[in-house]
Amino acid sequence: MKQLPLEFQERMKNLLGAEYEDFIKSYDEKPVRAFRVNTDKISLEDFEKLNIFSIEKIPYVENGFYFDYDGIGNHPYHHAGMIYVQEPAAMVPVESIDIHPDWKVLDLCAAPGGKSSQIKNKLGEKGVLVSNEIVPSRCKILTGNIERMGFKNVVTTCMSPQKIVKMFPEKFFNMIMVDAPCSGEGMFRKEEIAIDEWSPENVKMCAERQAEILDCAAKMVKVGGYIVYSTCTFSLEENEMTVDEFLQRHSEFELVPVTERVGENTADGIKFDGCKCENIHYVRRCYPHKTKGEGQFVAV
């Protein structure tokens, strides 16, 4: 793969300390691939009778499997909407909370639809999912995936967070998924273009945008509801610092632990100088040298 930016390497040395060498060695390994069974279309039990890809299950995802199979995107199972191919660590955020089948859920930054499809499999006939994407071309991809999976009770929208707040001003949702646009450090092994686009300035810009999106989400969550915030990056600015600053702006929210299955397969958050959140270790980090997959961060 391409040379990692030197400034990124220095930042990771400071974050990881003695673990840094193991972290860097993980970039010599192939990216890990995985899929989930679409249980709205076929039961897990019935799929396992047909499964030709893999028997190795993802420990924190009941309907998730690792695979090493070329051309899975052209397989009839994929075209029929029986499976959704998704990077395994990207499945962590939705598994970090026990979603009730009758919830109203907003996926605020939804394209291409991986987390939306994962959420929908947990909702029942009375549950509703609003799956939103601000970029029109990406919203078309999102809508195509929602249709391919055969989902009901799902609405796709193409709006900015600021505009969608005006549509749902009455604290409407039980849960809002904010898989925020980020600097993509966790995707360097999988998508080399992310290396070319990385810079400290982009990290700062992303953190500012993430704060705006979270502030919009806060206006739409019911009392007692949840925001699940995630990124695919490692930077403190976009992760723990963003969460800590959000909690300072919104005293009505508190950080809560993730599900046990996710906690057991992820690393604690990092307590940084000046952090005011006593429970910042509740947030979770996925590193490629620890969790089978790419980089991911989540806070509930």
Protein backbone atom coordinates (compact mmCIF):
# COMPACT_ATOMS: atom_id res chain seq x y z
CA MET A 1 0.00 0.00 0.00
CA LYS A 2 0.99 3.66 -0.23
CA GLN A 3 3.25 5.28 2.33
CA LEU A 4 1.25 6.51 5.32
CA PRO A 5 1.56 10.26 5.97
CA LEU A 6 4.41 10.90 8.42
CA GLU A 7 2.30 13.23 10.54
CA PHE A 8 -0.40 10.56 10.79
CA GLN A 9 2.23 8.06 11.93
CA GLU A 10 3.43 10.43 14.65
CA ARG A 11 -0.13 11.00 15.85
CA MET A 12 -0.73 7.25 16.07
CA LYS A 13 2.53 6.72 17.99
CA ASN A 14 1.31 9.21 20.55
CA LEU A 15 -2.10 7.51 20.77
CA LEU A 16 -0.96 3.89 20.89
CA GLY A 17 2.46 3.97 22.56
CA ALA A 18 3.81 0.41 22.89
CA GLU A 19 1.05 -0.94 20.61
CA TYR A 20 2.14 1.19 17.66
CA GLU A 21 4.39 -1.46 16.05
CA ASP A 22 1.60 -4.06 16.08
CA PHE A 23 -0.73 -1.44 14.59
CA ILE A 24 1.65 -0.64 11.73
CA LYS A 25 2.27 -4.33 10.98
CA SER A 26 -1.47 -4.81 10.47
CA TYR A 27 -1.23 -2.65 7.31
CA ASP A 28 0.74 -5.46 5.64
CA GLU A 29 -2.29 -7.75 5.96
CA LYS A 30 -5.22 -7.95 3.56
CA PRO A 31 -8.41 -6.06 4.48
CA VAL A 32 -11.01 -8.26 6.15
CA ARG A 33 -14.30 -8.75 4.29
CA ALA A 34 -17.69 -9.65 5.69
CA PHE A 35 -21.43 -9.73 5.01
CA ARG A 36 -24.68 -9.80 6.93
CA VAL A 37 -27.70 -11.94 6.19
CA ASN A 38 -30.80 -9.87 5.42
CA THR A 39 -33.17 -11.42 7.93
CA ASP A 40 -36.08 -9.39 6.54
CA LYS A 41 -35.83 -11.61 3.45
CA ILE A 42 -34.54 -14.95 4.76
CA SER A 43 -34.11 -16.39 8.24
CA LEU A 44 -30.60 -16.99 9.51
CA GLU A 45 -31.43 -20.68 9.93
CA ASP A 46 -32.56 -21.03 6.31
CA PHE A 47 -29.60 -19.05 4.99
CA GLU A 48 -27.09 -21.26 6.80
CA LYS A 49 -28.46 -24.21 4.79
CA LEU A 50 -27.57 -22.31 1.59
CA ASN A 51 -24.40 -20.54 2.72
CA ILE A 52 -21.49 -21.27 0.36
CA PHE A 53 -19.24 -18.42 1.49
CA SER A 54 -18.09 -18.97 5.05
CA ILE A 55 -18.94 -20.53 8.38
CA GLU A 56 -16.84 -18.12 10.46
CA LYS A 57 -19.25 -15.82 12.28
CA ILE A 58 -18.57 -12.30 13.51
CA PRO A 59 -18.60 -12.55 17.33
CA TYR A 60 -20.65 -9.39 17.93
CA VAL A 61 -23.10 -9.71 14.99
CA GLU A 62 -25.60 -12.57 15.15
CA ASN A 63 -26.25 -12.58 11.38
CA GLY A 64 -22.72 -11.57 10.30
CA PHE A 65 -20.03 -13.68 8.62
CA TYR A 66 -16.45 -13.12 7.48
CA PHE A 67 -15.73 -14.29 3.94
CA ASP A 68 -12.96 -14.68 1.39
CA TYR A 69 -14.79 -15.10 -1.90
CA ASP A 70 -14.10 -13.23 -5.14
CA GLY A 71 -17.05 -11.80 -7.04
CA ILE A 72 -19.58 -11.86 -4.21
CA GLY A 73 -21.16 -8.67 -5.59
CA ASN A 74 -22.16 -10.61 -8.73
CA HIS A 75 -23.59 -13.57 -6.86
CA PRO A 76 -27.37 -14.18 -7.02
CA TYR A 77 -27.57 -14.02 -3.20
CA HIS A 78 -26.35 -10.42 -3.41
CA HIS A 79 -28.64 -9.41 -6.27
CA ALA A 80 -31.60 -11.02 -4.50
CA GLY A 81 -30.97 -8.89 -1.43
CA MET A 82 -30.29 -11.90 0.79
CA ILE A 83 -26.95 -10.48 1.95
CA TYR A 84 -25.32 -7.08 2.46
CA VAL A 85 -21.55 -6.89 2.06
CA GLN A 86 -20.08 -4.63 4.74
CA GLU A 87 -16.73 -4.10 6.43
CA PRO A 88 -16.99 -5.95 9.78
CA ALA A 89 -15.89 -3.13 12.11
CA ALA A 90 -18.50 -0.90 10.44
CA MET A 91 -21.13 -3.23 11.95
CA VAL A 92 -20.03 -2.32 15.49
CA PRO A 93 -22.01 0.96 15.92
CA VAL A 94 -25.46 -0.54 15.31
CA GLU A 95 -24.62 -3.50 17.56
CA SER A 96 -23.64 -1.07 20.34
CA ILE A 97 -27.27 -0.59 21.37
CA ASP A 98 -30.24 -2.95 21.72
CA ILE A 99 -32.76 -1.53 19.25
CA HIS A 100 -36.43 -2.08 20.08
CA PRO A 101 -38.60 -3.37 17.22
CA ASP A 102 -41.16 -0.54 17.53
CA TRP A 103 -38.67 2.35 17.53
CA LYS A 104 -38.65 5.30 15.17
CA VAL A 105 -35.04 5.60 13.94
CA LEU A 106 -33.21 8.18 11.84
CA ASP A 107 -30.00 7.28 10.03
CA LEU A 108 -28.79 10.81 9.41
CA CYS A 109 -25.74 10.15 7.15
CA ALA A 110 -26.87 6.89 5.62
CA ALA A 111 -25.29 6.18 2.21
CA PRO A 112 -24.53 3.61 0.95
CA GLY A 113 -26.92 1.93 3.40
CA GLY A 114 -24.94 -0.58 5.45
CA LYS A 115 -25.98 0.72 8.85
CA SER A 116 -29.54 1.42 7.65
CA SER A 117 -29.95 -2.18 6.49
CA GLN A 118 -28.50 -3.40 9.79
CA ILE A 119 -30.93 -1.21 11.76
CA LYS A 120 -33.91 -2.30 9.67
CA ASN A 121 -33.26 -5.98 10.40
CA LYS A 122 -33.78 -5.13 14.09
CA LEU A 123 -37.04 -3.23 13.57
CA GLY A 124 -40.44 -4.95 13.41
CA GLU A 125 -43.60 -4.11 11.51
CA LYS A 126 -44.37 -1.19 13.83
CA GLY A 127 -40.87 0.27 13.60
CA VAL A 128 -39.99 3.04 11.14
CA LEU A 129 -36.63 4.00 9.65
CA VAL A 130 -35.88 7.33 7.98
CA SER A 131 -32.68 6.89 6.00
CA ASN A 132 -31.17 10.23 4.96
CA GLU A 133 -28.25 11.21 2.72
CA ILE A 134 -27.34 14.78 1.79
CA VAL A 135 -25.52 14.02 -1.51
CA PRO A 136 -28.02 13.26 -4.33
CA SER A 137 -25.79 10.78 -6.20
CA ARG A 138 -25.12 8.86 -2.99
CA CYS A 139 -28.80 8.99 -2.05
CA LYS A 140 -29.59 7.15 -5.30
CA ILE A 141 -27.18 4.38 -4.26
CA LEU A 142 -28.75 4.30 -0.80
CA THR A 143 -32.27 4.03 -2.24
CA GLY A 144 -31.15 1.29 -4.62
CA ASN A 145 -29.78 -0.77 -1.74
CA ILE A 146 -32.94 -0.25 0.33
CA GLU A 147 -35.00 -1.48 -2.65
CA ARG A 148 -32.68 -4.43 -3.32
CA MET A 149 -33.05 -5.57 0.28
CA GLY A 150 -36.85 -5.47 -0.06
CA PHE A 151 -37.42 -3.32 3.02
CA LYS A 152 -40.78 -1.98 4.16
CA ASN A 153 -41.36 0.88 6.63
CA VAL A 154 -38.30 2.74 5.33
CA VAL A 155 -38.24 6.26 3.89
CA THR A 156 -35.18 7.59 2.09
CA THR A 157 -34.62 11.34 2.09
CA CYS A 158 -32.02 13.68 0.58
CA MET A 159 -31.62 16.62 2.94
CA SER A 160 -29.03 18.44 5.01
CA PRO A 161 -29.18 17.84 8.77
CA GLN A 162 -30.27 21.47 9.19
CA LYS A 163 -33.21 20.94 6.83
CA ILE A 164 -34.34 17.61 8.24
CA VAL A 165 -34.50 19.19 11.72
CA LYS A 166 -37.28 21.42 10.37
CA MET A 167 -39.19 18.30 9.24
CA PHE A 168 -38.95 16.60 12.65
CA PRO A 169 -38.81 19.39 15.27
CA GLU A 170 -40.81 17.63 17.98
CA LYS A 171 -38.11 15.27 19.31
CA PHE A 172 -39.52 12.49 17.15
CA PHE A 173 -36.94 9.67 17.15
CA ASN A 174 -36.08 6.99 19.70
CA MET A 175 -32.63 6.68 18.15
CA ILE A 176 -30.53 8.64 15.69
CA MET A 177 -27.54 7.06 13.96
CA VAL A 178 -24.85 9.63 13.13
CA ASP A 179 -22.19 7.85 11.08
CA ALA A 180 -20.44 11.12 10.49
CA PRO A 181 -18.31 12.11 7.49
CA CYS A 182 -14.72 11.93 8.73
CA SER A 183 -11.06 12.01 7.70
CA GLY A 184 -11.16 8.26 7.02
CA GLU A 185 -7.97 7.22 8.85
CA GLY A 186 -9.50 3.84 9.65
CA MET A 187 -9.93 3.10 5.94
CA PHE A 188 -6.28 3.59 4.86
CA ARG A 189 -5.68 -0.16 4.44
CA LYS A 190 -8.88 -0.69 2.47
CA GLU A 191 -9.13 2.54 0.43
CA GLU A 192 -5.79 4.08 -0.50
CA ILE A 193 -7.47 7.22 -1.84
CA ALA A 194 -8.14 8.12 1.80
CA ILE A 195 -4.37 8.43 2.28
CA ASP A 196 -4.14 11.01 -0.50
CA GLU A 197 -7.00 13.04 0.97
CA TRP A 198 -5.72 13.07 4.58
CA SER A 199 -4.32 16.17 6.25
CA PRO A 200 -4.43 17.74 9.74
CA GLU A 201 -6.51 20.52 8.22
CA ASN A 202 -9.08 18.00 6.97
CA VAL A 203 -9.23 16.42 10.43
CA LYS A 204 -10.08 19.83 11.92
CA MET A 205 -12.67 20.57 9.22
CA CYS A 206 -14.34 17.20 9.76
CA ALA A 207 -14.52 17.76 13.53
CA GLU A 208 -16.28 21.09 13.00
CA ARG A 209 -18.80 19.51 10.62
CA GLN A 210 -19.39 16.58 13.00
CA ALA A 211 -20.25 18.99 15.82
CA GLU A 212 -22.87 20.69 13.63
CA ILE A 213 -24.45 17.36 12.67
CA LEU A 214 -24.60 16.20 16.30
CA ASP A 215 -26.23 19.46 17.38
CA CYS A 216 -28.94 18.87 14.77
CA ALA A 217 -29.44 15.29 15.95
CA ALA A 218 -29.86 16.47 19.56
CA LYS A 219 -32.95 18.45 18.55
CA MET A 220 -34.75 15.40 17.15
CA VAL A 221 -34.21 12.75 19.85
CA LYS A 222 -37.04 11.90 22.25
CA VAL A 223 -36.43 12.23 25.98
CA GLY A 224 -34.88 8.90 26.96
CA GLY A 225 -33.75 8.30 23.39
CA TYR A 226 -30.26 7.68 22.01
CA ILE A 227 -27.72 9.12 19.62
CA VAL A 228 -25.21 6.60 18.28
CA TYR A 229 -22.21 8.52 16.98
CA SER A 230 -19.58 6.79 14.87
CA THR A 231 -16.63 7.50 12.60
CA CYS A 232 -14.09 5.42 10.68
CA THR A 233 -11.13 7.42 11.95
CA PHE A 234 -8.68 7.38 14.86
CA SER A 235 -8.17 11.09 15.59
CA LEU A 236 -9.00 12.39 19.05
CA GLU A 237 -10.38 15.58 17.52
CA GLU A 238 -13.11 13.69 15.63
CA ASN A 239 -13.80 11.11 18.31
CA GLU A 240 -13.36 11.59 22.06
CA MET A 241 -12.94 15.37 21.79
CA THR A 242 -16.08 15.69 19.66
CA VAL A 243 -18.07 13.59 22.16
CA ASP A 244 -16.71 15.49 25.17
CA GLU A 245 -17.51 18.88 23.63
CA PHE A 246 -21.01 17.70 22.63
CA LEU A 247 -21.73 16.66 26.22
CA GLN A 248 -20.56 20.06 27.46
CA ARG A 249 -22.96 21.80 25.04
CA HIS A 250 -25.84 19.43 25.82
CA SER A 251 -26.10 18.72 29.55
CA GLU A 252 -29.34 16.78 28.97
CA PHE A 253 -27.28 13.95 27.40
CA GLU A 254 -24.94 11.47 29.09
CA LEU A 255 -22.53 8.89 27.73
CA VAL A 256 -23.70 5.31 28.37
CA PRO A 257 -22.01 1.89 28.00
CA VAL A 258 -22.31 -0.11 24.79
CA THR A 259 -23.71 -3.64 24.70
CA GLU A 260 -21.61 -6.35 26.30
CA ARG A 261 -20.97 -8.10 22.97
CA VAL A 262 -19.41 -4.94 21.53
CA GLY A 263 -17.51 -4.04 24.69
CA GLU A 264 -15.78 -7.42 24.74
CA ASN A 265 -14.52 -7.02 21.16
CA THR A 266 -13.35 -3.40 21.19
CA ALA A 267 -10.88 -1.11 22.99
CA ASP A 268 -11.67 1.60 25.55
CA GLY A 269 -11.82 5.25 24.62
CA ILE A 270 -8.87 7.52 25.36
CA LYS A 271 -8.79 9.98 28.25
CA PHE A 272 -7.09 13.09 26.85
CA ASP A 273 -5.77 16.16 28.63
CA GLY A 274 -8.64 18.48 29.44
CA CYS A 275 -11.36 15.82 29.04
CA LYS A 276 -14.33 16.65 31.25
CA CYS A 277 -16.30 13.43 30.67
CA GLU A 278 -15.47 11.02 33.50
CA ASN A 279 -16.83 8.04 31.57
CA ILE A 280 -15.01 8.64 28.29
CA HIS A 281 -13.78 5.01 28.45
CA TYR A 282 -17.38 4.02 27.56
CA VAL A 283 -16.71 4.99 23.93
CA ARG A 284 -15.24 2.18 21.86
CA ARG A 285 -12.40 1.95 19.36
CA CYS A 286 -11.67 -0.73 16.75
CA TYR A 287 -8.04 -1.07 15.65
CA PRO A 288 -6.94 -3.41 12.83
CA HIS A 289 -4.34 -5.06 15.10
CA LYS A 290 -7.00 -5.82 17.76
CA THR A 291 -10.39 -6.21 16.07
CA LYS A 292 -10.78 -8.22 12.87
CA GLY A 293 -11.51 -5.37 10.47
CA GLU A 294 -10.65 -1.76 9.84
CA GLY A 295 -10.72 1.31 12.09
CA GLN A 296 -13.96 2.39 13.77
CA PHE A 297 -15.12 4.55 16.67
CA VAL A 298 -18.50 4.59 18.42
CA ALA A 299 -20.17 6.44 21.28
CA VAL A 300 -23.72 5.99 22.60
